[in-house]
C-alpha atoms as a PDB file:
ATOM      1  CA  MET A   1       0.000   0.000   0.000  1.00  0.00           C
ATOM      2  CA  ASN A   2       1.381   3.401  -1.025  1.00  0.00           C
ATOM      3  CA  LYS A   3       1.694   5.678   2.024  1.00  0.00           C
ATOM      4  CA  THR A   4       3.393   8.561   0.256  1.00  0.00           C
ATOM      5  CA  VAL A   5       1.773  11.980   0.792  1.00  0.00           C
ATOM      6  CA  LEU A   6       2.612  14.698  -1.724  1.00  0.00           C
ATOM      7  CA  PRO A   7       1.668  18.274  -0.725  1.00  0.00           C
ATOM      8  CA  ALA A   8      -0.222  20.241  -3.349  1.00  0.00           C
ATOM      9  CA  GLY A   9       1.836  22.887  -5.117  1.00  0.00           C
ATOM     10  CA  TYR A  10       5.189  21.595  -3.906  1.00  0.00           C
ATOM     11  CA  THR A  11       8.196  22.812  -5.887  1.00  0.00           C
ATOM     12  CA  PRO A  12      11.748  21.895  -4.804  1.00  0.00           C
ATOM     13  CA  CYS A  13      13.847  24.907  -3.789  1.00  0.00           C
ATOM     14  CA  LEU A  14      16.876  23.408  -5.508  1.00  0.00           C
ATOM     15  CA  GLY A  15      17.209  21.530  -8.797  1.00  0.00           C
ATOM     16  CA  LEU A  16      18.885  18.136  -9.076  1.00  0.00           C
ATOM     17  CA  TYR A  17      22.404  19.490  -9.611  1.00  0.00           C
ATOM     18  CA  ASP A  18      22.273  21.928  -6.696  1.00  0.00           C
ATOM     19  CA  THR A  19      20.563  19.318  -4.529  1.00  0.00           C
ATOM     20  CA  GLN A  20      23.486  16.935  -5.004  1.00  0.00           C
ATOM     21  CA  LYS A  21      25.946  19.729  -4.251  1.00  0.00           C
ATOM     22  CA  ALA A  22      23.984  20.705  -1.129  1.00  0.00           C
ATOM     23  CA  ILE A  23      23.861  17.107   0.130  1.00  0.00           C
ATOM     24  CA  GLY A  24      27.646  16.931  -0.086  1.00  0.00           C
ATOM     25  CA  LEU A  25      28.013  20.214   1.796  1.00  0.00           C
ATOM     26  CA  ILE A  26      25.611  19.156   4.547  1.00  0.00           C
ATOM     27  CA  LYS A  27      27.458  15.911   5.163  1.00  0.00           C
ATOM     28  CA  GLN A  28      30.812  17.693   5.209  1.00  0.00           C
ATOM     29  CA  ILE A  29      29.829  20.714   7.313  1.00  0.00           C
ATOM     30  CA  PHE A  30      27.646  18.982   9.874  1.00  0.00           C
ATOM     31  CA  GLU A  31      30.161  16.263  10.672  1.00  0.00           C
ATOM     32  CA  VAL A  32      32.812  18.893  11.424  1.00  0.00           C
ATOM     33  CA  LYS A  33      30.449  20.830  13.682  1.00  0.00           C
ATOM     34  CA  LEU A  34      29.209  17.694  15.440  1.00  0.00           C
ATOM     35  CA  CYS A  35      32.759  16.538  16.159  1.00  0.00           C
ATOM     36  CA  ALA A  36      33.655  19.967  17.559  1.00  0.00           C
ATOM     37  CA  ALA A  37      30.511  20.164  19.715  1.00  0.00           C
ATOM     38  CA  LEU A  38      30.803  16.683  21.245  1.00  0.00           C
ATOM     39  CA  HIS A  39      34.585  16.040  21.048  1.00  0.00           C
ATOM     40  CA  LEU A  40      34.326  13.158  18.571  1.00  0.00           C
ATOM     41  CA  LYS A  41      36.873  11.506  16.300  1.00  0.00           C
ATOM     42  CA  ARG A  42      35.898   9.860  13.014  1.00  0.00           C
ATOM     43  CA  VAL A  43      36.495   6.095  12.739  1.00  0.00           C
ATOM     44  CA  THR A  44      35.652   3.343  10.263  1.00  0.00           C
ATOM     45  CA  ALA A  45      32.857   0.900  11.058  1.00  0.00           C
ATOM     46  CA  PRO A  46      31.504  -2.474   9.909  1.00  0.00           C
ATOM     47  CA  LEU A  47      28.762  -3.025   7.360  1.00  0.00           C
ATOM     48  CA  PHE A  48      28.082  -6.502   8.784  1.00  0.00           C
ATOM     49  CA  VAL A  49      28.711  -8.407  12.021  1.00  0.00           C
ATOM     50  CA  ASP A  50      28.757 -11.951  13.364  1.00  0.00           C
ATOM     51  CA  PRO A  51      25.263 -12.605  14.837  1.00  0.00           C
ATOM     52  CA  ALA A  52      26.791 -14.770  17.579  1.00  0.00           C
ATOM     53  CA  THR A  53      28.418 -11.706  19.165  1.00  0.00           C
ATOM     54  CA  GLY A  54      25.095 -10.024  20.006  1.00  0.00           C
ATOM     55  CA  LEU A  55      26.368  -6.772  18.468  1.00  0.00           C
ATOM     56  CA  ASN A  56      23.547  -6.258  15.982  1.00  0.00           C
ATOM     57  CA  ASP A  57      20.723  -3.965  17.054  1.00  0.00           C
ATOM     58  CA  ASP A  58      17.332  -5.701  16.992  1.00  0.00           C
ATOM     59  CA  LEU A  59      15.437  -2.371  16.837  1.00  0.00           C
ATOM     60  CA  ASN A  60      11.850  -3.173  17.853  1.00  0.00           C
ATOM     61  CA  GLY A  61      12.533  -6.897  17.995  1.00  0.00           C
ATOM     62  CA  VAL A  62      10.515  -7.848  14.903  1.00  0.00           C
ATOM     63  CA  GLU A  63      12.685  -6.630  12.028  1.00  0.00           C
ATOM     64  CA  ARG A  64      14.580  -9.348  10.143  1.00  0.00           C
ATOM     65  CA  PRO A  65      18.263  -8.638   9.521  1.00  0.00           C
ATOM     66  CA  VAL A  66      19.687  -9.301   6.085  1.00  0.00           C
ATOM     67  CA  SER A  67      21.855 -12.406   6.499  1.00  0.00           C
ATOM     68  CA  PHE A  68      24.270 -14.154   4.168  1.00  0.00           C
ATOM     69  CA  ASP A  69      26.678 -17.028   4.393  1.00  0.00           C
ATOM     70  CA  VAL A  70      30.456 -16.569   4.248  1.00  0.00           C
ATOM     71  CA  PRO A  71      31.927 -19.828   2.896  1.00  0.00           C
ATOM     72  CA  ALA A  72      35.498 -18.856   3.784  1.00  0.00           C
ATOM     73  CA  LEU A  73      34.472 -18.597   7.442  1.00  0.00           C
ATOM     74  CA  THR A  74      31.924 -21.423   7.403  1.00  0.00           C
ATOM     75  CA  ALA A  75      29.663 -18.954   9.190  1.00  0.00           C
ATOM     76  CA  ASN A  76      26.885 -16.435   8.581  1.00  0.00           C
ATOM     77  CA  ALA A  77      27.018 -12.656   8.754  1.00  0.00           C
ATOM     78  CA  GLN A  78      24.307 -10.028   9.294  1.00  0.00           C
ATOM     79  CA  VAL A  79      24.101  -6.565   7.756  1.00  0.00           C
ATOM     80  CA  VAL A  80      23.877  -4.153  10.686  1.00  0.00           C
ATOM     81  CA  HIS A  81      20.599  -2.490  11.658  1.00  0.00           C
ATOM     82  CA  SER A  82      22.616   0.095  13.577  1.00  0.00           C
ATOM     83  CA  LEU A  83      25.932   0.354  15.396  1.00  0.00           C
ATOM     84  CA  ALA A  84      24.539   1.080  18.858  1.00  0.00           C
ATOM     85  CA  LYS A  85      26.420  -1.794  20.500  1.00  0.00           C
ATOM     86  CA  TRP A  86      29.460  -1.964  18.237  1.00  0.00           C
ATOM     87  CA  LYS A  87      30.378   1.656  19.054  1.00  0.00           C
ATOM     88  CA  ARG A  88      30.537   1.009  22.775  1.00  0.00           C
ATOM     89  CA  LEU A  89      32.757  -1.993  22.302  1.00  0.00           C
ATOM     90  CA  ALA A  90      34.967   0.029  19.944  1.00  0.00           C
ATOM     91  CA  LEU A  91      35.428   2.771  22.561  1.00  0.00           C
ATOM     92  CA  HIS A  92      36.630   0.089  24.965  1.00  0.00           C
ATOM     93  CA  GLN A  93      38.973  -1.557  22.462  1.00  0.00           C
ATOM     94  CA  TYR A  94      40.390   1.728  21.127  1.00  0.00           C
ATOM     95  CA  GLY A  95      41.058   3.122  24.615  1.00  0.00           C
ATOM     96  CA  PHE A  96      38.938   6.307  24.453  1.00  0.00           C
ATOM     97  CA  HIS A  97      38.914   8.382  27.648  1.00  0.00           C
ATOM     98  CA  VAL A  98      36.072  10.195  29.453  1.00  0.00           C
ATOM     99  CA  GLY A  99      34.855  13.207  27.487  1.00  0.00           C
ATOM    100  CA  ASN A 100      35.915  11.869  24.075  1.00  0.00           C
ATOM    101  CA  GLY A 101      34.083   9.771  21.539  1.00  0.00           C
ATOM    102  CA  LEU A 102      33.775   8.524  17.981  1.00  0.00           C
ATOM    103  CA  VAL A 103      31.560   9.134  14.975  1.00  0.00           C
ATOM    104  CA  THR A 104      31.175   7.030  11.849  1.00  0.00           C
ATOM    105  CA  ASP A 105      29.008   6.564   8.775  1.00  0.00           C
ATOM    106  CA  MET A 106      26.467   3.814   9.334  1.00  0.00           C
ATOM    107  CA  ASN A 107      24.816   2.219   6.306  1.00  0.00           C
ATOM    108  CA  ALA A 108      22.095  -0.351   6.888  1.00  0.00           C
ATOM    109  CA  ILE A 109      19.425  -2.336   5.069  1.00  0.00           C
ATOM    110  CA  ARG A 110      16.098  -2.603   6.845  1.00  0.00           C
ATOM    111  CA  ARG A 111      14.092  -4.795   4.526  1.00  0.00           C
ATOM    112  CA  ASP A 112      10.927  -4.803   6.675  1.00  0.00           C
ATOM    113  CA  GLU A 113      10.632  -1.003   6.737  1.00  0.00           C
ATOM    114  CA  GLU A 114       7.256   0.372   5.632  1.00  0.00           C
ATOM    115  CA  MET A 115       8.199   2.860   2.954  1.00  0.00           C
ATOM    116  CA  ASP A 116       6.698   6.356   2.872  1.00  0.00           C
ATOM    117  CA  ASN A 117       7.938   9.963   2.673  1.00  0.00           C
ATOM    118  CA  LEU A 118      10.400   9.431   5.543  1.00  0.00           C
ATOM    119  CA  HIS A 119      11.230   5.727   5.410  1.00  0.00           C
ATOM    120  CA  SER A 120      13.344   3.688   3.031  1.00  0.00           C
ATOM    121  CA  ILE A 121      14.848   0.218   3.172  1.00  0.00           C
ATOM    122  CA  TYR A 122      18.239   1.969   3.001  1.00  0.00           C
ATOM    123  CA  VAL A 123      19.347   3.781   6.163  1.00  0.00           C
ATOM    124  CA  ASP A 124      22.301   6.169   6.382  1.00  0.00           C
ATOM    125  CA  GLN A 125      23.220   7.972   9.565  1.00  0.00           C
ATOM    126  CA  TRP A 126      26.020   9.400  11.626  1.00  0.00           C
ATOM    127  CA  ASP A 127      26.449   6.960  14.489  1.00  0.00           C
ATOM    128  CA  TRP A 128      28.280   8.534  17.421  1.00  0.00           C
ATOM    129  CA  GLU A 129      29.255   7.409  20.916  1.00  0.00           C
ATOM    130  CA  LYS A 130      31.116   9.148  23.739  1.00  0.00           C
ATOM    131  CA  VAL A 131      32.660   7.970  27.012  1.00  0.00           C
ATOM    132  CA  ILE A 132      31.159   9.646  30.085  1.00  0.00           C
ATOM    133  CA  ALA A 133      31.739   9.611  33.841  1.00  0.00           C
ATOM    134  CA  LYS A 134      29.293   8.031  36.280  1.00  0.00           C
ATOM    135  CA  GLU A 135      28.184  11.467  37.486  1.00  0.00           C
ATOM    136  CA  ASP A 136      27.205  12.357  33.900  1.00  0.00           C
ATOM    137  CA  ARG A 137      24.382   9.802  33.861  1.00  0.00           C
ATOM    138  CA  THR A 138      21.757  12.520  34.415  1.00  0.00           C
ATOM    139  CA  LEU A 139      18.925  14.176  32.508  1.00  0.00           C
ATOM    140  CA  ASP A 140      20.793  17.500  32.670  1.00  0.00           C
ATOM    141  CA  PHE A 141      23.780  16.010  30.848  1.00  0.00           C
ATOM    142  CA  LEU A 142      21.490  14.391  28.277  1.00  0.00           C
ATOM    143  CA  GLN A 143      19.642  17.649  27.628  1.00  0.00           C
ATOM    144  CA  HIS A 144      22.867  19.646  27.332  1.00  0.00           C
ATOM    145  CA  THR A 145      24.129  17.180  24.710  1.00  0.00           C
ATOM    146  CA  VAL A 146      20.864  17.369  22.749  1.00  0.00           C
ATOM    147  CA  GLN A 147      21.003  21.166  22.704  1.00  0.00           C
ATOM    148  CA  ASN A 148      24.582  21.095  21.381  1.00  0.00           C
ATOM    149  CA  ILE A 149      23.486  18.798  18.541  1.00  0.00           C
ATOM    150  CA  VAL A 150      20.682  21.211  17.635  1.00  0.00           C
ATOM    151  CA  TYR A 151      23.130  24.119  17.630  1.00  0.00           C
ATOM    152  CA  ALA A 152      25.357  22.129  15.229  1.00  0.00           C
ATOM    153  CA  ILE A 153      22.365  21.491  12.945  1.00  0.00           C
ATOM    154  CA  SER A 154      21.344  25.167  13.037  1.00  0.00           C
ATOM    155  CA  ALA A 155      24.893  26.332  12.294  1.00  0.00           C
ATOM    156  CA  THR A 156      25.000  23.934   9.329  1.00  0.00           C
ATOM    157  CA  LEU A 157      21.797  25.507   7.999  1.00  0.00           C
ATOM    158  CA  ASP A 158      23.338  28.987   8.325  1.00  0.00           C
ATOM    159  CA  GLU A 159      26.309  27.997   6.145  1.00  0.00           C
ATOM    160  CA  LEU A 160      24.038  26.222   3.686  1.00  0.00           C
ATOM    161  CA  LYS A 161      21.893  29.322   3.224  1.00  0.00           C
ATOM    162  CA  TRP A 162      25.016  31.345   2.523  1.00  0.00           C
ATOM    163  CA  GLN A 163      25.784  28.943  -0.353  1.00  0.00           C
ATOM    164  CA  PHE A 164      22.142  28.643  -1.482  1.00  0.00           C
ATOM    165  CA  PRO A 165      20.281  31.888  -0.715  1.00  0.00           C
ATOM    166  CA  ASP A 166      17.052  30.573  -2.273  1.00  0.00           C
ATOM    167  CA  LEU A 167      16.576  28.158   0.649  1.00  0.00           C
ATOM    168  CA  THR A 168      13.781  29.259   2.973  1.00  0.00           C
ATOM    169  CA  THR A 169      14.187  26.594   5.682  1.00  0.00           C
ATOM    170  CA  ARG A 170      13.677  27.867   9.224  1.00  0.00           C
ATOM    171  CA  LEU A 171      14.500  25.981  12.426  1.00  0.00           C
ATOM    172  CA  CYS A 172      13.913  26.718  16.087  1.00  0.00           C
ATOM    173  CA  ARG A 173      17.326  26.585  17.769  1.00  0.00           C
ATOM    174  CA  GLU A 174      16.038  26.042  21.314  1.00  0.00           C
ATOM    175  CA  VAL A 175      14.801  22.582  22.308  1.00  0.00           C
ATOM    176  CA  THR A 176      11.614  21.951  24.275  1.00  0.00           C
ATOM    177  CA  PHE A 177      11.988  18.840  26.425  1.00  0.00           C
ATOM    178  CA  VAL A 178       9.072  16.592  27.385  1.00  0.00           C
ATOM    179  CA  THR A 179       8.796  13.048  28.737  1.00  0.00           C
ATOM    180  CA  SER A 180       6.769  10.421  26.906  1.00  0.00           C
ATOM    181  CA  GLN A 181       4.440  10.234  29.922  1.00  0.00           C
ATOM    182  CA  GLN A 182       3.888  14.002  29.938  1.00  0.00           C
ATOM    183  CA  LEU A 183       3.057  13.759  26.255  1.00  0.00           C
ATOM    184  CA  GLU A 184       0.495  11.028  26.902  1.00  0.00           C
ATOM    185  CA  ASP A 185      -1.005  13.090  29.726  1.00  0.00           C
ATOM    186  CA  LEU A 186      -1.274  16.125  27.444  1.00  0.00           C
ATOM    187  CA  TYR A 187      -2.922  14.212  24.559  1.00  0.00           C
ATOM    188  CA  PRO A 188      -4.570  11.083  26.055  1.00  0.00           C
ATOM    189  CA  ASP A 189      -6.855  10.569  23.055  1.00  0.00           C
ATOM    190  CA  LEU A 190      -4.135  10.731  20.401  1.00  0.00           C
ATOM    191  CA  THR A 191      -1.776   8.048  19.125  1.00  0.00           C
ATOM    192  CA  ALA A 192       1.928   8.349  19.864  1.00  0.00           C
ATOM    193  CA  LYS A 193       2.693   9.800  16.415  1.00  0.00           C
ATOM    194  CA  GLU A 194      -0.234  12.213  16.671  1.00  0.00           C
ATOM    195  CA  ARG A 195       1.111  13.399  20.038  1.00  0.00           C
ATOM    196  CA  GLU A 196       4.518  14.005  18.510  1.00  0.00           C
ATOM    197  CA  ASN A 197       3.006  16.051  15.690  1.00  0.00           C
ATOM    198  CA  ALA A 198       0.785  18.101  17.984  1.00  0.00           C
ATOM    199  CA  PHE A 199       3.627  18.976  20.349  1.00  0.00           C
ATOM    200  CA  ALA A 200       6.167  19.606  17.575  1.00  0.00           C
ATOM    201  CA  LYS A 201       3.774  21.902  15.701  1.00  0.00           C
ATOM    202  CA  GLU A 202       3.528  24.092  18.793  1.00  0.00           C
ATOM    203  CA  HIS A 203       7.166  23.992  19.936  1.00  0.00           C
ATOM    204  CA  ARG A 204       8.981  23.363  16.616  1.00  0.00           C
ATOM    205  CA  THR A 205      12.078  21.590  18.011  1.00  0.00           C
ATOM    206  CA  ILE A 206      11.405  18.933  20.650  1.00  0.00           C
ATOM    207  CA  PHE A 207      13.089  16.088  22.481  1.00  0.00           C
ATOM    208  CA  ILE A 208      10.820  13.328  23.800  1.00  0.00           C
ATOM    209  CA  MET A 209      12.478  11.643  26.771  1.00  0.00           C
ATOM    210  CA  GLN A 210      12.147   8.268  28.477  1.00  0.00           C
ATOM    211  CA  ILE A 211      11.132   5.972  25.626  1.00  0.00           C
ATOM    212  CA  GLY A 212      10.947   2.194  25.945  1.00  0.00           C
ATOM    213  CA  GLY A 213       9.123   1.424  29.170  1.00  0.00           C
ATOM    214  CA  LYS A 214       5.364   1.164  29.525  1.00  0.00           C
ATOM    215  CA  LEU A 215       3.328   4.315  30.170  1.00  0.00           C
ATOM    216  CA  LYS A 216       0.254   4.625  32.403  1.00  0.00           C
ATOM    217  CA  SER A 217      -1.823   3.419  29.452  1.00  0.00           C
ATOM    218  CA  GLY A 218       0.102   0.144  29.523  1.00  0.00           C
ATOM    219  CA  GLN A 219       1.790   0.822  26.176  1.00  0.00           C
ATOM    220  CA  PRO A 220       5.264   2.249  25.494  1.00  0.00           C
ATOM    221  CA  HIS A 221       5.494   5.468  23.496  1.00  0.00           C
ATOM    222  CA  ASP A 222       7.633   3.576  20.986  1.00  0.00           C
ATOM    223  CA  GLY A 223       9.640   0.382  20.857  1.00  0.00           C
ATOM    224  CA  ARG A 224      13.229   0.413  22.053  1.00  0.00           C
ATOM    225  CA  ALA A 225      15.714  -2.432  22.416  1.00  0.00           C
ATOM    226  CA  PRO A 226      16.502  -3.146  26.094  1.00  0.00           C
ATOM    227  CA  ASP A 227      20.264  -3.455  25.738  1.00  0.00           C
ATOM    228  CA  TYR A 228      21.634  -0.109  24.597  1.00  0.00           C
ATOM    229  CA  ASP A 229      19.645   2.931  25.848  1.00  0.00           C
ATOM    230  CA  ASP A 230      18.727   3.384  29.493  1.00  0.00           C
ATOM    231  CA  TRP A 231      14.982   3.908  29.073  1.00  0.00           C
ATOM    232  CA  SER A 232      14.974   6.564  31.795  1.00  0.00           C
ATOM    233  CA  LEU A 233      17.775   8.574  30.128  1.00  0.00           C
ATOM    234  CA  ASN A 234      17.047   8.489  26.397  1.00  0.00           C
ATOM    235  CA  GLY A 235      14.839  10.130  23.810  1.00  0.00           C
ATOM    236  CA  ASP A 236      14.069  11.211  20.247  1.00  0.00           C
ATOM    237  CA  LEU A 237      14.913  14.571  18.645  1.00  0.00           C
ATOM    238  CA  LEU A 238      12.229  15.895  16.289  1.00  0.00           C
ATOM    239  CA  PHE A 239      11.810  19.052  14.203  1.00  0.00           C
ATOM    240  CA  TRP A 240       8.608  20.453  12.744  1.00  0.00           C
ATOM    241  CA  HIS A 241       8.826  20.153   8.956  1.00  0.00           C
ATOM    242  CA  GLU A 242       6.644  22.748   7.288  1.00  0.00           C
ATOM    243  CA  PRO A 243       6.468  21.292   3.734  1.00  0.00           C
ATOM    244  CA  LEU A 244       5.024  17.994   5.038  1.00  0.00           C
ATOM    245  CA  GLY A 245       3.131  19.529   7.953  1.00  0.00           C
ATOM    246  CA  GLN A 246       4.503  16.973  10.396  1.00  0.00           C
ATOM    247  CA  ALA A 247       7.350  16.227  12.768  1.00  0.00           C
ATOM    248  CA  ILE A 248      10.523  14.615  11.442  1.00  0.00           C
ATOM    249  CA  GLU A 249      12.629  12.502  13.785  1.00  0.00           C
ATOM    250  CA  ILE A 250      16.275  13.332  13.187  1.00  0.00           C
ATOM    251  CA  SER A 251      17.900  11.411  16.001  1.00  0.00           C
ATOM    252  CA  SER A 252      17.291   8.644  18.506  1.00  0.00           C
ATOM    253  CA  MET A 253      19.850   8.791  21.312  1.00  0.00           C
ATOM    254  CA  GLY A 254      20.481   8.389  24.980  1.00  0.00           C
ATOM    255  CA  ILE A 255      22.731   7.595  27.881  1.00  0.00           C
ATOM    256  CA  ARG A 256      23.485   3.897  27.560  1.00  0.00           C
ATOM    257  CA  VAL A 257      22.631   1.136  29.984  1.00  0.00           C
ATOM    258  CA  ASP A 258      24.854   0.424  32.948  1.00  0.00           C
ATOM    259  CA  PRO A 259      24.876  -3.071  34.511  1.00  0.00           C
ATOM    260  CA  GLU A 260      21.893  -2.274  36.757  1.00  0.00           C
ATOM    261  CA  SER A 261      19.621  -0.807  34.072  1.00  0.00           C
ATOM    262  CA  LEU A 262      20.588  -3.553  31.604  1.00  0.00           C
ATOM    263  CA  ASP A 263      19.712  -6.224  34.145  1.00  0.00           C
ATOM    264  CA  ARG A 264      16.344  -4.583  34.792  1.00  0.00           C
ATOM    265  CA  GLN A 265      15.454  -3.952  31.142  1.00  0.00           C
ATOM    266  CA  LEU A 266      16.397  -7.420  29.915  1.00  0.00           C
ATOM    267  CA  THR A 267      13.963  -8.900  32.407  1.00  0.00           C
ATOM    268  CA  GLU A 268      11.241  -6.351  31.651  1.00  0.00           C
ATOM    269  CA  ALA A 269      11.542  -7.000  27.914  1.00  0.00           C
ATOM    270  CA  GLY A 270      11.628 -10.794  28.306  1.00  0.00           C
ATOM    271  CA  CYS A 271      15.122 -11.003  26.811  1.00  0.00           C
ATOM    272  CA  ASP A 272      17.009 -12.756  29.588  1.00  0.00           C
ATOM    273  CA  GLU A 273      18.581 -15.182  27.097  1.00  0.00           C
ATOM    274  CA  ARG A 274      20.829 -12.344  25.875  1.00  0.00           C
ATOM    275  CA  ARG A 275      22.745 -12.413  29.147  1.00  0.00           C
ATOM    276  CA  ALA A 276      24.843 -15.255  27.709  1.00  0.00           C
ATOM    277  CA  LEU A 277      26.009 -13.253  24.654  1.00  0.00           C
ATOM    278  CA  PRO A 278      29.608 -11.929  24.769  1.00  0.00           C
ATOM    279  CA  PHE A 279      28.668  -8.229  24.535  1.00  0.00           C
ATOM    280  CA  HIS A 280      25.993  -8.503  27.214  1.00  0.00           C
ATOM    281  CA  LYS A 281      28.253 -10.467  29.567  1.00  0.00           C
ATOM    282  CA  MET A 282      30.871  -7.712  29.318  1.00  0.00           C
ATOM    283  CA  LEU A 283      28.236  -5.085  30.075  1.00  0.00           C
ATOM    284  CA  LEU A 284      26.772  -6.928  33.040  1.00  0.00           C
ATOM    285  CA  GLU A 285      30.258  -7.443  34.459  1.00  0.00           C
ATOM    286  CA  GLY A 286      31.062  -3.722  34.143  1.00  0.00           C
ATOM    287  CA  GLN A 287      33.867  -4.233  31.624  1.00  0.00           C
ATOM    288  CA  LEU A 288      32.656  -1.606  29.132  1.00  0.00           C
ATOM    289  CA  PRO A 289      32.837   2.177  29.611  1.00  0.00           C
ATOM    290  CA  LEU A 290      29.788   4.250  30.491  1.00  0.00           C
ATOM    291  CA  THR A 291      28.672   6.074  27.362  1.00  0.00           C
ATOM    292  CA  ILE A 292      26.147   8.322  25.673  1.00  0.00           C
ATOM    293  CA  GLY A 293      25.399   7.984  21.991  1.00  0.00           C
ATOM    294  CA  GLY A 294      22.927   7.931  19.163  1.00  0.00           C
ATOM    295  CA  GLY A 295      22.275   8.030  15.457  1.00  0.00           C
ATOM    296  CA  ILE A 296      21.571  11.128  13.358  1.00  0.00           C
ATOM    297  CA  GLY A 297      19.875  10.426  10.051  1.00  0.00           C
ATOM    298  CA  GLN A 298      21.868  11.746   7.112  1.00  0.00           C
ATOM    299  CA  SER A 299      19.070  11.614   4.547  1.00  0.00           C
ATOM    300  CA  ARG A 300      16.568  12.881   7.127  1.00  0.00           C
ATOM    301  CA  LEU A 301      18.796  15.865   7.924  1.00  0.00           C
ATOM    302  CA  CYS A 302      19.173  16.633   4.214  1.00  0.00           C
ATOM    303  CA  MET A 303      15.387  16.491   3.822  1.00  0.00           C
ATOM    304  CA  LEU A 304      14.926  18.853   6.740  1.00  0.00           C
ATOM    305  CA  LEU A 305      17.522  21.431   5.751  1.00  0.00           C
ATOM    306  CA  LEU A 306      16.605  21.403   2.045  1.00  0.00           C
ATOM    307  CA  ASP A 307      12.812  21.439   2.601  1.00  0.00           C
ATOM    308  CA  LYS A 308      12.340  18.203   0.655  1.00  0.00           C
ATOM    309  CA  VAL A 309       9.104  16.209   0.952  1.00  0.00           C
ATOM    310  CA  HIS A 310      10.379  12.703   0.125  1.00  0.00           C
ATOM    311  CA  VAL A 311      13.500  10.899   1.299  1.00  0.00           C
ATOM    312  CA  GLY A 312      13.980   9.663  -2.273  1.00  0.00           C
ATOM    313  CA  GLU A 313      14.886  13.249  -3.227  1.00  0.00           C
ATOM    314  CA  VAL A 314      18.105  12.980  -1.193  1.00  0.00           C
ATOM    315  CA  GLN A 315      19.067   9.283  -1.399  1.00  0.00           C
ATOM    316  CA  VAL A 316      19.033   6.514  -3.992  1.00  0.00           C
ATOM    317  CA  SER A 317      16.853   3.556  -3.022  1.00  0.00           C
ATOM    318  CA  LEU A 318      14.137   1.261  -4.374  1.00  0.00           C
ATOM    319  CA  TRP A 319      10.507   2.387  -4.630  1.00  0.00           C
ATOM    320  CA  ASP A 320       7.322   0.722  -5.780  1.00  0.00           C
ATOM    321  CA  GLN A 321       5.875   1.702  -9.130  1.00  0.00           C
ATOM    322  CA  GLU A 322       2.918   3.526  -7.589  1.00  0.00           C
ATOM    323  CA  THR A 323       5.223   5.783  -5.574  1.00  0.00           C
ATOM    324  CA  ARG A 324       7.398   6.504  -8.614  1.00  0.00           C
ATOM    325  CA  GLN A 325       4.390   7.415 -10.748  1.00  0.00           C
ATOM    326  CA  ALA A 326       2.857   9.605  -8.031  1.00  0.00           C
ATOM    327  CA  CYS A 327       6.123  11.469  -7.485  1.00  0.00           C
ATOM    328  CA  GLN A 328       6.656  11.971 -11.200  1.00  0.00           C
ATOM    329  CA  ALA A 329       3.137  13.333 -11.614  1.00  0.00           C
ATOM    330  CA  ALA A 330       3.653  15.731  -8.692  1.00  0.00           C
ATOM    331  CA  GLY A 331       7.020  16.972  -9.923  1.00  0.00           C
ATOM    332  CA  VAL A 332       8.949  15.301  -7.089  1.00  0.00           C
ATOM    333  CA  PRO A 333      12.260  14.053  -8.559  1.00  0.00           C
ATOM    334  CA  LEU A 334      13.462  10.762  -7.044  1.00  0.00           C
ATOM    335  CA  LEU A 335      17.190  10.106  -7.268  1.00  0.00           C
END
């Protein structure tokens, strides 16, 4: 079923040539500003991992990873869903110290993704992770980090507008923070996505905290794996996107689990069997550093800053024929 929504009268601010140039600038400029804001160093990262290590992210627990056999190893490999766990292990192996971290390009295939304006089976993001001290495991530290990321995004937009003065994108530079429970209390009759849209329309740039555990309604705001974010110290960063008239999630991030929160969340999620996996054993035994980290969507950020209405305008992927025909008829060029 085609879920693409094409706003009436939409005309891209930039043509195909300038769009490609702008995408390159965004990826170059933002990475520099992100590294400066969070004290990150760029590293290389895997496209696939050994499933026996427990390093692959299972997202909401229902998505099927793309797997393939490797005859030379007499083993199977999985294309990563994200690098949430790999990054933390890398910080340990590379010897990063408190206050410093890493950033890398993450490319993933999520074959079960429902495709629409914002979703593709191809995912590209900046995955970052930073070593923190025990006293940094607070909401204040989380919020300060989120605000620095938003400042980096806003500064990237400023430089982009200098290069492309026809761009009319406007962002709110100050973040409004809200917990998922506060959001449910504010809009008890709306779905989770409807709550996000209602709050983002009013406040423009928002960070929804504490995602993963059950709310008073008995349902979580959204699914979250139990073995990377601490559900009491995480959240999603969203911006109001005027061309689509909805919120766009740019980043999912958080302070990562320590042994106590991992122990609690594995039980709550019914995932106690993961305790035997190498990564989880290291975490439970306190062998890995305390960290904060997240992913920042590259194509999503390009959509936001360039006022695009479909992710296919800023990345090359596969689309069904109905979507291609609808976009062509509406003058929406898919790469």
